[in-house]
Amino acid sequence: MLVWGSLSGFSDGYLYDPALDQWSKISSANAPANRQRFAYATDGRRLFVYGGGFASATGAMWSPEE
């Protein structure tokens, strides 16, 4: 499971490994710009986000491992 969010310009992301019952912090490098009220889809490795209430209401693809 991937959890990613931001508050006041700070972005944080975590990956959960159910086999180890453990969370690990992931880099927010190249993460999509902060936004709210967006749509998203994932293929299990990448996150695609689109929309948002800020000027960054565009689409973006993100691979947390990169």
Protein backbone atom coordinates (compact mmCIF):
# COMPACT_ATOMS: atom_id res chain seq x y z
CA MET A 1 0.00 0.00 0.00
CA LEU A 2 1.21 3.47 -0.89
CA VAL A 3 0.26 6.48 1.24
CA TRP A 4 1.25 9.90 0.02
CA GLY A 5 0.10 13.34 1.06
CA SER A 6 1.06 16.85 1.78
CA LEU A 7 0.24 19.72 4.07
CA SER A 8 1.35 23.29 3.51
CA GLY A 9 3.88 22.34 0.85
CA PHE A 10 5.47 19.40 2.70
CA SER A 11 5.10 16.03 0.95
CA ASP A 12 5.56 12.67 2.65
CA GLY A 13 5.05 9.16 1.39
CA TYR A 14 5.17 5.70 2.90
CA LEU A 15 4.96 2.15 1.59
CA TYR A 16 3.44 -0.63 3.67
CA ASP A 17 4.72 -4.20 3.38
CA PRO A 18 2.04 -6.55 4.76
CA ALA A 19 4.43 -9.52 4.80
CA LEU A 20 6.68 -7.67 7.25
CA ASP A 21 3.90 -5.57 8.82
CA GLN A 22 6.20 -2.61 8.34
CA TRP A 23 6.03 0.95 6.93
CA SER A 24 8.97 2.52 5.12
CA LYS A 25 9.35 6.17 4.14
CA ILE A 26 9.80 6.84 0.45
CA SER A 27 11.44 9.76 -1.26
CA SER A 28 9.14 12.49 -2.50
CA ALA A 29 11.61 13.33 -5.29
CA ASN A 30 9.74 13.81 -8.55
CA ALA A 31 6.39 13.41 -6.77
CA PRO A 32 3.42 15.19 -8.34
CA ALA A 33 2.79 18.77 -7.25
CA ASN A 34 0.57 19.35 -4.20
CA ARG A 35 -3.14 19.28 -5.02
CA GLN A 36 -6.54 18.55 -3.54
CA ARG A 37 -9.70 16.88 -4.87
CA PHE A 38 -7.88 14.86 -7.51
CA ALA A 39 -8.45 11.52 -9.22
CA TYR A 40 -5.80 8.80 -9.22
CA ALA A 41 -5.06 5.33 -10.55
CA THR A 42 -2.23 2.89 -9.92
CA ASP A 43 -0.84 -0.23 -11.55
CA GLY A 44 0.81 -1.33 -8.30
CA ARG A 45 4.13 0.32 -9.09
CA ARG A 46 3.24 3.75 -10.41
CA LEU A 47 0.73 6.38 -9.36
CA PHE A 48 -1.11 8.53 -11.90
CA VAL A 49 -2.86 11.62 -10.54
CA TYR A 50 -5.03 14.10 -12.42
CA GLY A 51 -6.87 17.25 -11.45
CA GLY A 52 -6.82 19.24 -8.26
CA GLY A 53 -7.95 22.54 -6.88
CA PHE A 54 -4.66 24.41 -7.29
CA ALA A 55 -2.92 25.78 -10.37
CA SER A 56 -1.25 22.35 -10.70
CA ALA A 57 -4.50 20.78 -11.94
CA THR A 58 -2.70 18.64 -14.50
CA GLY A 59 -1.82 14.98 -14.85
CA ALA A 60 1.35 13.39 -13.52
CA MET A 61 2.85 9.88 -13.37
CA TRP A 62 5.02 8.98 -10.39
CA SER A 63 7.14 5.93 -9.59
CA PRO A 64 8.17 6.15 -5.91
CA GLU A 65 11.17 3.88 -6.44
CA GLU A 66 12.74 6.31 -8.94
